[in-house]
PDB file of N, CA and C in Angstrom:
ATOM      1  N   MET A   1     106.897 130.269 194.441  1.00  0.00           N
ATOM      2  CA  MET A   1     106.465 128.925 194.081  1.00  0.00           C
ATOM      3  C   MET A   1     107.316 127.908 194.835  1.00  0.00           C
ATOM      4  N   ILE A   2     106.648 126.887 195.351  1.00  0.00           N
ATOM      5  CA  ILE A   2     107.326 125.789 196.051  1.00  0.00           C
ATOM      6  C   ILE A   2     108.102 124.962 195.040  1.00  0.00           C
ATOM      7  N   GLU A   3     109.290 124.524 195.437  1.00  0.00           N
ATOM      8  CA  GLU A   3     110.076 123.661 194.566  1.00  0.00           C
ATOM      9  C   GLU A   3     110.474 122.399 195.328  1.00  0.00           C
ATOM     10  N   ILE A   4     110.184 121.262 194.725  1.00  0.00           N
ATOM     11  CA  ILE A   4     110.551 119.982 195.311  1.00  0.00           C
ATOM     12  C   ILE A   4     112.025 119.731 194.971  1.00  0.00           C
ATOM     13  N   ASN A   5     112.888 119.776 195.985  1.00  0.00           N
ATOM     14  CA  ASN A   5     114.318 119.587 195.740  1.00  0.00           C
ATOM     15  C   ASN A   5     114.645 118.101 195.597  1.00  0.00           C
ATOM     16  N   SER A   6     115.895 117.796 195.295  1.00  0.00           N
ATOM     17  CA  SER A   6     116.296 116.407 195.030  1.00  0.00           C
ATOM     18  C   SER A   6     116.142 115.515 196.264  1.00  0.00           C
ATOM     19  N   GLU A   7     116.387 116.060 197.441  1.00  0.00           N
ATOM     20  CA  GLU A   7     116.229 115.279 198.679  1.00  0.00           C
ATOM     21  C   GLU A   7     114.765 114.894 198.884  1.00  0.00           C
ATOM     22  N   ALA A   8     113.865 115.852 198.701  1.00  0.00           N
ATOM     23  CA  ALA A   8     112.433 115.579 198.843  1.00  0.00           C
ATOM     24  C   ALA A   8     111.961 114.620 197.752  1.00  0.00           C
ATOM     25  N   ARG A   9     112.464 114.803 196.544  1.00  0.00           N
ATOM     26  CA  ARG A   9     112.082 113.919 195.435  1.00  0.00           C
ATOM     27  C   ARG A   9     112.455 112.471 195.745  1.00  0.00           C
ATOM     28  N   LYS A  10     113.642 112.277 196.297  1.00  0.00           N
ATOM     29  CA  LYS A  10     114.097 110.927 196.644  1.00  0.00           C
ATOM     30  C   LYS A  10     113.145 110.294 197.662  1.00  0.00           C
ATOM     31  N   LEU A  11     112.724 111.059 198.656  1.00  0.00           N
ATOM     32  CA  LEU A  11     111.771 110.558 199.649  1.00  0.00           C
ATOM     33  C   LEU A  11     110.434 110.213 199.002  1.00  0.00           C
ATOM     34  N   ILE A  12     109.929 111.133 198.188  1.00  0.00           N
ATOM     35  CA  ILE A  12     108.617 110.979 197.554  1.00  0.00           C
ATOM     36  C   ILE A  12     108.582 109.765 196.631  1.00  0.00           C
ATOM     37  N   GLU A  13     109.593 109.613 195.828  1.00  0.00           N
ATOM     38  CA  GLU A  13     109.587 108.537 194.836  1.00  0.00           C
ATOM     39  C   GLU A  13     110.104 107.208 195.375  1.00  0.00           C
ATOM     40  N   GLY A  14     110.682 107.216 196.578  1.00  0.00           N
ATOM     41  CA  GLY A  14     111.280 105.999 197.101  1.00  0.00           C
ATOM     42  C   GLY A  14     110.567 105.356 198.265  1.00  0.00           C
ATOM     43  N   ASN A  15     109.441 105.920 198.685  1.00  0.00           N
ATOM     44  CA  ASN A  15     108.746 105.405 199.867  1.00  0.00           C
ATOM     45  C   ASN A  15     107.235 105.468 199.675  1.00  0.00           C
ATOM     46  N   PRO A  16     106.500 104.592 200.361  1.00  0.00           N
ATOM     47  CA  PRO A  16     105.046 104.716 200.356  1.00  0.00           C
ATOM     48  C   PRO A  16     104.635 106.052 200.981  1.00  0.00           C
ATOM     49  N   ILE A  17     103.493 106.566 200.557  1.00  0.00           N
ATOM     50  CA  ILE A  17     103.042 107.891 200.986  1.00  0.00           C
ATOM     51  C   ILE A  17     101.646 107.805 201.587  1.00  0.00           C
ATOM     52  N   ALA A  18     101.418 108.564 202.648  1.00  0.00           N
ATOM     53  CA  ALA A  18     100.077 108.747 203.198  1.00  0.00           C
ATOM     54  C   ALA A  18      99.422 109.884 202.426  1.00  0.00           C
ATOM     55  N   PHE A  19      98.226 109.638 201.887  1.00  0.00           N
ATOM     56  CA  PHE A  19      97.521 110.589 201.033  1.00  0.00           C
ATOM     57  C   PHE A  19      96.170 110.889 201.680  1.00  0.00           C
ATOM     58  N   ALA A  20      95.997 112.125 202.161  1.00  0.00           N
ATOM     59  CA  ALA A  20      94.792 112.508 202.887  1.00  0.00           C
ATOM     60  C   ALA A  20      93.921 113.463 202.077  1.00  0.00           C
ATOM     61  N   THR A  21      92.611 113.198 202.128  1.00  0.00           N
ATOM     62  CA  THR A  21      91.606 114.052 201.509  1.00  0.00           C
ATOM     63  C   THR A  21      90.529 114.346 202.547  1.00  0.00           C
ATOM     64  N   VAL A  22      89.659 115.298 202.216  1.00  0.00           N
ATOM     65  CA  VAL A  22      88.556 115.662 203.103  1.00  0.00           C
ATOM     66  C   VAL A  22      87.314 115.858 202.248  1.00  0.00           C
ATOM     67  N   ASP A  23      86.177 115.353 202.734  1.00  0.00           N
ATOM     68  CA  ASP A  23      84.946 115.558 201.966  1.00  0.00           C
ATOM     69  C   ASP A  23      84.362 116.942 202.254  1.00  0.00           C
ATOM     70  N   SER A  24      83.213 117.236 201.680  1.00  0.00           N
ATOM     71  CA  SER A  24      82.620 118.570 201.820  1.00  0.00           C
ATOM     72  C   SER A  24      82.121 118.849 203.234  1.00  0.00           C
ATOM     73  N   PHE A  25      82.012 117.815 204.073  1.00  0.00           N
ATOM     74  CA  PHE A  25      81.578 117.992 205.459  1.00  0.00           C
ATOM     75  C   PHE A  25      82.747 118.044 206.435  1.00  0.00           C
ATOM     76  N   GLY A  26      83.972 117.943 205.910  1.00  0.00           N
ATOM     77  CA  GLY A  26      85.153 117.979 206.760  1.00  0.00           C
ATOM     78  C   GLY A  26      85.587 116.626 207.283  1.00  0.00           C
ATOM     79  N   LYS A  27      84.958 115.552 206.801  1.00  0.00           N
ATOM     80  CA  LYS A  27      85.323 114.200 207.226  1.00  0.00           C
ATOM     81  C   LYS A  27      86.578 113.773 206.478  1.00  0.00           C
ATOM     82  N   PRO A  28      87.660 113.447 207.203  1.00  0.00           N
ATOM     83  CA  PRO A  28      88.921 113.086 206.557  1.00  0.00           C
ATOM     84  C   PRO A  28      88.960 111.634 206.088  1.00  0.00           C
ATOM     85  N   ASN A  29      89.838 111.395 205.145  1.00  0.00           N
ATOM     86  CA  ASN A  29      90.121 110.056 204.635  1.00  0.00           C
ATOM     87  C   ASN A  29      91.614 110.011 204.336  1.00  0.00           C
ATOM     88  N   VAL A  30      92.266 108.925 204.710  1.00  0.00           N
ATOM     89  CA  VAL A  30      93.687 108.775 204.392  1.00  0.00           C
ATOM     90  C   VAL A  30      93.922 107.369 203.863  1.00  0.00           C
ATOM     91  N   ILE A  31      94.772 107.291 202.837  1.00  0.00           N
ATOM     92  CA  ILE A  31      95.131 105.997 202.256  1.00  0.00           C
ATOM     93  C   ILE A  31      96.639 105.948 202.072  1.00  0.00           C
ATOM     94  N   GLY A  32      97.154 104.764 201.878  1.00  0.00           N
ATOM     95  CA  GLY A  32      98.557 104.590 201.526  1.00  0.00           C
ATOM     96  C   GLY A  32      98.692 104.477 200.021  1.00  0.00           C
ATOM     97  N   VAL A  33      99.686 105.143 199.467  1.00  0.00           N
ATOM     98  CA  VAL A  33      99.943 105.113 198.029  1.00  0.00           C
ATOM     99  C   VAL A  33     101.368 104.609 197.830  1.00  0.00           C
ATOM    100  N   ALA A  34     101.520 103.614 196.973  1.00  0.00           N
ATOM    101  CA  ALA A  34     102.823 102.990 196.789  1.00  0.00           C
ATOM    102  C   ALA A  34     103.758 103.790 195.887  1.00  0.00           C
ATOM    103  N   TYR A  35     103.223 104.392 194.823  1.00  0.00           N
ATOM    104  CA  TYR A  35     104.089 105.054 193.844  1.00  0.00           C
ATOM    105  C   TYR A  35     103.590 106.452 193.520  1.00  0.00           C
ATOM    106  N   VAL A  36     104.443 107.424 193.782  1.00  0.00           N
ATOM    107  CA  VAL A  36     104.172 108.814 193.435  1.00  0.00           C
ATOM    108  C   VAL A  36     105.383 109.311 192.660  1.00  0.00           C
ATOM    109  N   LYS A  37     105.142 110.051 191.606  1.00  0.00           N
ATOM    110  CA  LYS A  37     106.232 110.566 190.772  1.00  0.00           C
ATOM    111  C   LYS A  37     106.193 112.090 190.752  1.00  0.00           C
ATOM    112  N   VAL A  38     107.350 112.699 190.880  1.00  0.00           N
ATOM    113  CA  VAL A  38     107.476 114.144 190.709  1.00  0.00           C
ATOM    114  C   VAL A  38     107.521 114.396 189.205  1.00  0.00           C
ATOM    115  N   VAL A  39     106.583 115.215 188.696  1.00  0.00           N
ATOM    116  CA  VAL A  39     106.510 115.466 187.257  1.00  0.00           C
ATOM    117  C   VAL A  39     106.859 116.908 186.887  1.00  0.00           C
ATOM    118  N   PHE A  40     106.961 117.770 187.876  1.00  0.00           N
ATOM    119  CA  PHE A  40     107.360 119.155 187.676  1.00  0.00           C
ATOM    120  C   PHE A  40     107.899 119.639 189.005  1.00  0.00           C
ATOM    121  N   LYS A  41     108.532 120.794 189.031  1.00  0.00           N
ATOM    122  CA  LYS A  41     109.183 121.238 190.268  1.00  0.00           C
ATOM    123  C   LYS A  41     108.218 121.426 191.439  1.00  0.00           C
ATOM    124  N   ASN A  42     106.917 121.566 191.162  1.00  0.00           N
ATOM    125  CA  ASN A  42     105.954 121.697 192.248  1.00  0.00           C
ATOM    126  C   ASN A  42     104.722 120.803 192.037  1.00  0.00           C
ATOM    127  N   GLN A  43     104.866 119.720 191.246  1.00  0.00           N
ATOM    128  CA  GLN A  43     103.738 118.831 190.996  1.00  0.00           C
ATOM    129  C   GLN A  43     104.145 117.368 191.078  1.00  0.00           C
ATOM    130  N   VAL A  44     103.218 116.566 191.616  1.00  0.00           N
ATOM    131  CA  VAL A  44     103.400 115.124 191.671  1.00  0.00           C
ATOM    132  C   VAL A  44     102.176 114.457 191.061  1.00  0.00           C
ATOM    133  N   ILE A  45     102.379 113.235 190.559  1.00  0.00           N
ATOM    134  CA  ILE A  45     101.275 112.472 189.966  1.00  0.00           C
ATOM    135  C   ILE A  45     101.078 111.193 190.768  1.00  0.00           C
ATOM    136  N   ILE A  46      99.813 110.849 190.969  1.00  0.00           N
ATOM    137  CA  ILE A  46      99.417 109.658 191.713  1.00  0.00           C
ATOM    138  C   ILE A  46      98.444 108.883 190.837  1.00  0.00           C
ATOM    139  N   THR A  47      98.569 107.566 190.829  1.00  0.00           N
ATOM    140  CA  THR A  47      97.656 106.722 190.065  1.00  0.00           C
ATOM    141  C   THR A  47      96.487 106.277 190.930  1.00  0.00           C
ATOM    142  N   ASP A  48      95.290 106.335 190.370  1.00  0.00           N
ATOM    143  CA  ASP A  48      94.119 105.746 191.011  1.00  0.00           C
ATOM    144  C   ASP A  48      93.940 104.348 190.444  1.00  0.00           C
ATOM    145  N   ASN A  49      94.339 103.361 191.216  1.00  0.00           N
ATOM    146  CA  ASN A  49      94.097 101.976 190.833  1.00  0.00           C
ATOM    147  C   ASN A  49      92.874 101.404 191.552  1.00  0.00           C
ATOM    148  N   TYR A  50      92.697 101.768 192.813  1.00  0.00           N
ATOM    149  CA  TYR A  50      91.628 101.171 193.615  1.00  0.00           C
ATOM    150  C   TYR A  50      90.866 102.189 194.466  1.00  0.00           C
ATOM    151  N   MET A  51      91.000 103.455 194.216  1.00  0.00           N
ATOM    152  CA  MET A  51      90.414 104.478 195.084  1.00  0.00           C
ATOM    153  C   MET A  51      88.902 104.602 194.884  1.00  0.00           C
ATOM    154  N   LYS A  52      88.201 104.771 195.992  1.00  0.00           N
ATOM    155  CA  LYS A  52      86.769 105.049 195.945  1.00  0.00           C
ATOM    156  C   LYS A  52      86.490 106.337 196.722  1.00  0.00           C
ATOM    157  N   GLN A  53      86.700 106.276 198.055  1.00  0.00           N
ATOM    158  CA  GLN A  53      86.415 107.452 198.887  1.00  0.00           C
ATOM    159  C   GLN A  53      87.311 108.632 198.514  1.00  0.00           C
ATOM    160  N   THR A  54      88.566 108.367 198.196  1.00  0.00           N
ATOM    161  CA  THR A  54      89.487 109.436 197.813  1.00  0.00           C
ATOM    162  C   THR A  54      88.977 110.172 196.584  1.00  0.00           C
ATOM    163  N   LYS A  55      88.553 109.420 195.573  1.00  0.00           N
ATOM    164  CA  LYS A  55      88.025 110.038 194.346  1.00  0.00           C
ATOM    165  C   LYS A  55      86.765 110.852 194.645  1.00  0.00           C
ATOM    166  N   GLU A  56      85.863 110.291 195.445  1.00  0.00           N
ATOM    167  CA  GLU A  56      84.646 111.015 195.822  1.00  0.00           C
ATOM    168  C   GLU A  56      84.993 112.312 196.556  1.00  0.00           C
ATOM    169  N   ASN A  57      85.960 112.238 197.479  1.00  0.00           N
ATOM    170  CA  ASN A  57      86.361 113.441 198.212  1.00  0.00           C
ATOM    171  C   ASN A  57      86.931 114.501 197.277  1.00  0.00           C
ATOM    172  N   LEU A  58      87.758 114.088 196.324  1.00  0.00           N
ATOM    173  CA  LEU A  58      88.367 115.050 195.390  1.00  0.00           C
ATOM    174  C   LEU A  58      87.318 115.747 194.530  1.00  0.00           C
ATOM    175  N   GLU A  59      86.211 115.073 194.271  1.00  0.00           N
ATOM    176  CA  GLU A  59      85.122 115.695 193.510  1.00  0.00           C
ATOM    177  C   GLU A  59      84.454 116.806 194.312  1.00  0.00           C
ATOM    178  N   GLN A  60      84.539 116.740 195.641  1.00  0.00           N
ATOM    179  CA  GLN A  60      83.910 117.708 196.528  1.00  0.00           C
ATOM    180  C   GLN A  60      84.880 118.772 197.038  1.00  0.00           C
ATOM    181  N   ASN A  61      86.153 118.386 197.196  1.00  0.00           N
ATOM    182  CA  ASN A  61      87.131 119.256 197.845  1.00  0.00           C
ATOM    183  C   ASN A  61      88.513 118.843 197.330  1.00  0.00           C
ATOM    184  N   ASN A  62      89.182 119.737 196.636  1.00  0.00           N
ATOM    185  CA  ASN A  62      90.462 119.353 196.016  1.00  0.00           C
ATOM    186  C   ASN A  62      91.681 119.616 196.892  1.00  0.00           C
ATOM    187  N   ASN A  63      91.482 119.995 198.147  1.00  0.00           N
ATOM    188  CA  ASN A  63      92.606 120.201 199.062  1.00  0.00           C
ATOM    189  C   ASN A  63      93.099 118.852 199.574  1.00  0.00           C
ATOM    190  N   VAL A  64      94.417 118.639 199.503  1.00  0.00           N
ATOM    191  CA  VAL A  64      95.006 117.356 199.891  1.00  0.00           C
ATOM    192  C   VAL A  64      96.263 117.576 200.720  1.00  0.00           C
ATOM    193  N   CYS A  65      96.672 116.511 201.397  1.00  0.00           N
ATOM    194  CA  CYS A  65      97.927 116.507 202.137  1.00  0.00           C
ATOM    195  C   CYS A  65      98.571 115.146 201.945  1.00  0.00           C
ATOM    196  N   LEU A  66      99.868 115.149 201.673  1.00  0.00           N
ATOM    197  CA  LEU A  66     100.635 113.914 201.539  1.00  0.00           C
ATOM    198  C   LEU A  66     101.771 113.972 202.552  1.00  0.00           C
ATOM    199  N   ALA A  67     102.073 112.837 203.149  1.00  0.00           N
ATOM    200  CA  ALA A  67     103.196 112.765 204.090  1.00  0.00           C
ATOM    201  C   ALA A  67     104.024 111.541 203.749  1.00  0.00           C
ATOM    202  N   VAL A  68     105.333 111.721 203.778  1.00  0.00           N
ATOM    203  CA  VAL A  68     106.248 110.629 203.477  1.00  0.00           C
ATOM    204  C   VAL A  68     107.475 110.752 204.367  1.00  0.00           C
ATOM    205  N   TRP A  69     108.003 109.599 204.780  1.00  0.00           N
ATOM    206  CA  TRP A  69     109.206 109.597 205.596  1.00  0.00           C
ATOM    207  C   TRP A  69     109.970 108.311 205.331  1.00  0.00           C
ATOM    208  N   ASP A  70     111.255 108.355 205.659  1.00  0.00           N
ATOM    209  CA  ASP A  70     112.091 107.171 205.458  1.00  0.00           C
ATOM    210  C   ASP A  70     112.259 106.432 206.786  1.00  0.00           C
ATOM    211  N   LYS A  71     113.076 105.387 206.793  1.00  0.00           N
ATOM    212  CA  LYS A  71     113.260 104.569 207.997  1.00  0.00           C
ATOM    213  C   LYS A  71     113.939 105.331 209.127  1.00  0.00           C
ATOM    214  N   ASP A  72     114.591 106.452 208.813  1.00  0.00           N
ATOM    215  CA  ASP A  72     115.235 107.285 209.828  1.00  0.00           C
ATOM    216  C   ASP A  72     114.329 108.427 210.297  1.00  0.00           C
ATOM    217  N   TRP A  73     113.063 108.402 209.872  1.00  0.00           N
ATOM    218  CA  TRP A  73     112.045 109.388 210.235  1.00  0.00           C
ATOM    219  C   TRP A  73     112.294 110.767 209.655  1.00  0.00           C
ATOM    220  N   LYS A  74     113.091 110.856 208.608  1.00  0.00           N
ATOM    221  CA  LYS A  74     113.229 112.108 207.872  1.00  0.00           C
ATOM    222  C   LYS A  74     112.137 112.098 206.819  1.00  0.00           C
ATOM    223  N   GLY A  75     111.454 113.215 206.661  1.00  0.00           N
ATOM    224  CA  GLY A  75     110.358 113.219 205.710  1.00  0.00           C
ATOM    225  C   GLY A  75     109.910 114.600 205.311  1.00  0.00           C
ATOM    226  N   VAL A  76     108.835 114.615 204.537  1.00  0.00           N
ATOM    227  CA  VAL A  76     108.218 115.863 204.106  1.00  0.00           C
ATOM    228  C   VAL A  76     106.706 115.714 204.118  1.00  0.00           C
ATOM    229  N   LYS A  77     106.048 116.833 204.344  1.00  0.00           N
ATOM    230  CA  LYS A  77     104.598 116.924 204.223  1.00  0.00           C
ATOM    231  C   LYS A  77     104.324 117.869 203.068  1.00  0.00           C
ATOM    232  N   LEU A  78     103.472 117.435 202.147  1.00  0.00           N
ATOM    233  CA  LEU A  78     103.112 118.229 200.978  1.00  0.00           C
ATOM    234  C   LEU A  78     101.644 118.619 201.089  1.00  0.00           C
ATOM    235  N   ILE A  79     101.374 119.895 201.063  1.00  0.00           N
ATOM    236  CA  ILE A  79     100.003 120.390 201.116  1.00  0.00           C
ATOM    237  C   ILE A  79      99.709 121.022 199.763  1.00  0.00           C
ATOM    238  N   GLY A  80      98.580 120.652 199.180  1.00  0.00           N
ATOM    239  CA  GLY A  80      98.304 121.189 197.852  1.00  0.00           C
ATOM    240  C   GLY A  80      96.885 120.988 197.394  1.00  0.00           C
ATOM    241  N   GLN A  81      96.721 121.157 196.097  1.00  0.00           N
ATOM    242  CA  GLN A  81      95.419 120.995 195.469  1.00  0.00           C
ATOM    243  C   GLN A  81      95.542 119.967 194.355  1.00  0.00           C
ATOM    244  N   ALA A  82      94.528 119.108 194.261  1.00  0.00           N
ATOM    245  CA  ALA A  82      94.566 117.993 193.333  1.00  0.00           C
ATOM    246  C   ALA A  82      93.559 118.169 192.207  1.00  0.00           C
ATOM    247  N   GLU A  83      93.920 117.595 191.072  1.00  0.00           N
ATOM    248  CA  GLU A  83      93.029 117.546 189.918  1.00  0.00           C
ATOM    249  C   GLU A  83      93.003 116.100 189.432  1.00  0.00           C
ATOM    250  N   TYR A  84      91.804 115.580 189.185  1.00  0.00           N
ATOM    251  CA  TYR A  84      91.623 114.185 188.794  1.00  0.00           C
ATOM    252  C   TYR A  84      91.390 114.098 187.289  1.00  0.00           C
ATOM    253  N   PHE A  85      92.120 113.191 186.620  1.00  0.00           N
ATOM    254  CA  PHE A  85      92.009 113.031 185.163  1.00  0.00           C
ATOM    255  C   PHE A  85      91.625 111.599 184.828  1.00  0.00           C
ATOM    256  N   THR A  86      90.626 111.435 183.964  1.00  0.00           N
ATOM    257  CA  THR A  86      90.239 110.118 183.473  1.00  0.00           C
ATOM    258  C   THR A  86      90.677 109.912 182.028  1.00  0.00           C
ATOM    259  N   ASN A  87      91.245 110.954 181.425  1.00  0.00           N
ATOM    260  CA  ASN A  87      91.804 110.841 180.076  1.00  0.00           C
ATOM    261  C   ASN A  87      92.836 111.948 179.885  1.00  0.00           C
ATOM    262  N   GLY A  88      93.470 111.956 178.727  1.00  0.00           N
ATOM    263  CA  GLY A  88      94.472 112.975 178.438  1.00  0.00           C
ATOM    264  C   GLY A  88      95.874 112.542 178.813  1.00  0.00           C
ATOM    265  N   LYS A  89      96.790 113.519 178.775  1.00  0.00           N
ATOM    266  CA  LYS A  89      98.213 113.196 178.932  1.00  0.00           C
ATOM    267  C   LYS A  89      98.565 112.624 180.297  1.00  0.00           C
ATOM    268  N   TRP A  90      97.913 113.064 181.373  1.00  0.00           N
ATOM    269  CA  TRP A  90      98.256 112.540 182.703  1.00  0.00           C
ATOM    270  C   TRP A  90      97.735 111.120 182.885  1.00  0.00           C
ATOM    271  N   LYS A  91      96.568 110.825 182.346  1.00  0.00           N
ATOM    272  CA  LYS A  91      96.048 109.453 182.400  1.00  0.00           C
ATOM    273  C   LYS A  91      96.974 108.536 181.601  1.00  0.00           C
ATOM    274  N   GLN A  92      97.404 108.979 180.439  1.00  0.00           N
ATOM    275  CA  GLN A  92      98.332 108.193 179.626  1.00  0.00           C
ATOM    276  C   GLN A  92      99.669 108.011 180.350  1.00  0.00           C
ATOM    277  N   TYR A  93     100.111 109.039 181.056  1.00  0.00           N
ATOM    278  CA  TYR A  93     101.368 108.968 181.808  1.00  0.00           C
ATOM    279  C   TYR A  93     101.320 107.828 182.828  1.00  0.00           C
ATOM    280  N   VAL A  94     100.243 107.781 183.643  1.00  0.00           N
ATOM    281  CA  VAL A  94     100.179 106.739 184.674  1.00  0.00           C
ATOM    282  C   VAL A  94      99.985 105.357 184.068  1.00  0.00           C
ATOM    283  N   GLU A  95      99.284 105.267 182.948  1.00  0.00           N
ATOM    284  CA  GLU A  95      99.103 103.976 182.283  1.00  0.00           C
ATOM    285  C   GLU A  95     100.441 103.404 181.810  1.00  0.00           C
ATOM    286  N   LYS A  96     101.385 104.277 181.471  1.00  0.00           N
ATOM    287  CA  LYS A  96     102.689 103.839 180.960  1.00  0.00           C
ATOM    288  C   LYS A  96     103.722 103.602 182.053  1.00  0.00           C
ATOM    289  N   MET A  97     103.404 103.972 183.293  1.00  0.00           N
ATOM    290  CA  MET A  97     104.348 103.747 184.387  1.00  0.00           C
ATOM    291  C   MET A  97     104.555 102.251 184.586  1.00  0.00           C
ATOM    292  N   PRO A  98     105.813 101.780 184.623  1.00  0.00           N
ATOM    293  CA  PRO A  98     106.070 100.346 184.821  1.00  0.00           C
ATOM    294  C   PRO A  98     105.428  99.805 186.104  1.00  0.00           C
ATOM    295  N   GLU A  99     105.340 100.645 187.139  1.00  0.00           N
ATOM    296  CA  GLU A  99     104.764 100.222 188.417  1.00  0.00           C
ATOM    297  C   GLU A  99     103.280  99.864 188.290  1.00  0.00           C
ATOM    298  N   ASN A 100     102.612 100.393 187.261  1.00  0.00           N
ATOM    299  CA  ASN A 100     101.182 100.145 187.089  1.00  0.00           C
ATOM    300  C   ASN A 100     100.875  98.988 186.143  1.00  0.00           C
ATOM    301  N   LYS A 101     101.906  98.301 185.684  1.00  0.00           N
ATOM    302  CA  LYS A 101     101.693  97.190 184.757  1.00  0.00           C
ATOM    303  C   LYS A 101     100.778  96.145 185.412  1.00  0.00           C
ATOM    304  N   GLY A 102      99.713  95.802 184.706  1.00  0.00           N
ATOM    305  CA  GLY A 102      98.762  94.825 185.202  1.00  0.00           C
ATOM    306  C   GLY A 102      97.710  95.388 186.134  1.00  0.00           C
ATOM    307  N   LEU A 103      97.763  96.686 186.420  1.00  0.00           N
ATOM    308  CA  LEU A 103      96.779  97.334 187.293  1.00  0.00           C
ATOM    309  C   LEU A 103      95.822  98.174 186.447  1.00  0.00           C
ATOM    310  N   SER A 104      94.713  98.574 187.030  1.00  0.00           N
ATOM    311  CA  SER A 104      93.662  99.232 186.267  1.00  0.00           C
ATOM    312  C   SER A 104      93.978 100.660 185.837  1.00  0.00           C
ATOM    313  N   ALA A 105      94.758 101.400 186.604  1.00  0.00           N
ATOM    314  CA  ALA A 105      95.049 102.815 186.303  1.00  0.00           C
ATOM    315  C   ALA A 105      93.784 103.543 185.846  1.00  0.00           C
ATOM    316  N   LYS A 106      92.777 103.576 186.736  1.00  0.00           N
ATOM    317  CA  LYS A 106      91.482 104.191 186.419  1.00  0.00           C
ATOM    318  C   LYS A 106      91.572 105.689 186.195  1.00  0.00           C
ATOM    319  N   GLY A 107      92.546 106.321 186.836  1.00  0.00           N
ATOM    320  CA  GLY A 107      92.679 107.763 186.719  1.00  0.00           C
ATOM    321  C   GLY A 107      94.034 108.233 187.208  1.00  0.00           C
ATOM    322  N   ALA A 108      94.294 109.510 186.966  1.00  0.00           N
ATOM    323  CA  ALA A 108      95.536 110.148 187.407  1.00  0.00           C
ATOM    324  C   ALA A 108      95.176 111.358 188.261  1.00  0.00           C
ATOM    325  N   ILE A 109      95.912 111.518 189.345  1.00  0.00           N
ATOM    326  CA  ILE A 109      95.691 112.655 190.241  1.00  0.00           C
ATOM    327  C   ILE A 109      96.955 113.505 190.214  1.00  0.00           C
ATOM    328  N   LEU A 110      96.810 114.714 189.704  1.00  0.00           N
ATOM    329  CA  LEU A 110      97.917 115.662 189.649  1.00  0.00           C
ATOM    330  C   LEU A 110      97.786 116.605 190.836  1.00  0.00           C
ATOM    331  N   VAL A 111      98.803 116.604 191.699  1.00  0.00           N
ATOM    332  CA  VAL A 111      98.796 117.470 192.881  1.00  0.00           C
ATOM    333  C   VAL A 111      99.774 118.606 192.659  1.00  0.00           C
ATOM    334  N   THR A 112      99.265 119.824 192.758  1.00  0.00           N
ATOM    335  CA  THR A 112     100.109 121.010 192.736  1.00  0.00           C
ATOM    336  C   THR A 112     100.430 121.355 194.184  1.00  0.00           C
ATOM    337  N   VAL A 113     101.705 121.309 194.518  1.00  0.00           N
ATOM    338  CA  VAL A 113     102.153 121.521 195.896  1.00  0.00           C
ATOM    339  C   VAL A 113     102.221 123.021 196.187  1.00  0.00           C
ATOM    340  N   LEU A 114     101.496 123.433 197.217  1.00  0.00           N
ATOM    341  CA  LEU A 114     101.464 124.840 197.623  1.00  0.00           C
ATOM    342  C   LEU A 114     102.329 125.096 198.847  1.00  0.00           C
ATOM    343  N   ASN A 115     102.593 124.031 199.616  1.00  0.00           N
ATOM    344  CA  ASN A 115     103.430 124.166 200.796  1.00  0.00           C
ATOM    345  C   ASN A 115     104.145 122.838 201.024  1.00  0.00           C
ATOM    346  N   LEU A 116     105.430 122.904 201.295  1.00  0.00           N
ATOM    347  CA  LEU A 116     106.241 121.725 201.568  1.00  0.00           C
ATOM    348  C   LEU A 116     106.909 121.945 202.916  1.00  0.00           C
ATOM    349  N   ILE A 117     106.651 121.038 203.841  1.00  0.00           N
ATOM    350  CA  ILE A 117     107.177 121.159 205.202  1.00  0.00           C
ATOM    351  C   ILE A 117     108.108 119.997 205.469  1.00  0.00           C
ATOM    352  N   LYS A 118     109.326 120.302 205.848  1.00  0.00           N
ATOM    353  CA  LYS A 118     110.309 119.265 206.173  1.00  0.00           C
ATOM    354  C   LYS A 118     109.985 118.681 207.537  1.00  0.00           C
ATOM    355  N   LEU A 119     110.020 117.346 207.635  1.00  0.00           N
ATOM    356  CA  LEU A 119     109.751 116.634 208.884  1.00  0.00           C
ATOM    357  C   LEU A 119     111.026 115.935 209.347  1.00  0.00           C
ATOM    358  N   GLY A 120     111.218 115.870 210.636  1.00  0.00           N
ATOM    359  CA  GLY A 120     112.350 115.131 211.187  1.00  0.00           C
ATOM    360  C   GLY A 120     113.655 115.851 211.178  1.00  0.00           C
TER     361      GLY A 120
END
């Protein structure tokens, strides 16, 4: 099992992240995500505040890739599978995040990391 260490956690939680999805035809989509939280040693949570194409892609194909790096170009790439929640404990988790105050928090995306690649 992949484990997100403290160095990777600091990168993930301290920097904007590129979040890539693919639809059922192989057409990619990438967005920037401001806040991602590590919630387990191999899982991260992302809030859906304004996503449209990303949510549609996840309904068709749950394979995702996230990339994050700092100003010194040290980073990590996370490859995994995502699950989208519109209710339950993960939706409640993102609604309570201080970063989401005043935002819609339409859903929560839980990514189980299957591969973590160090960059830089």
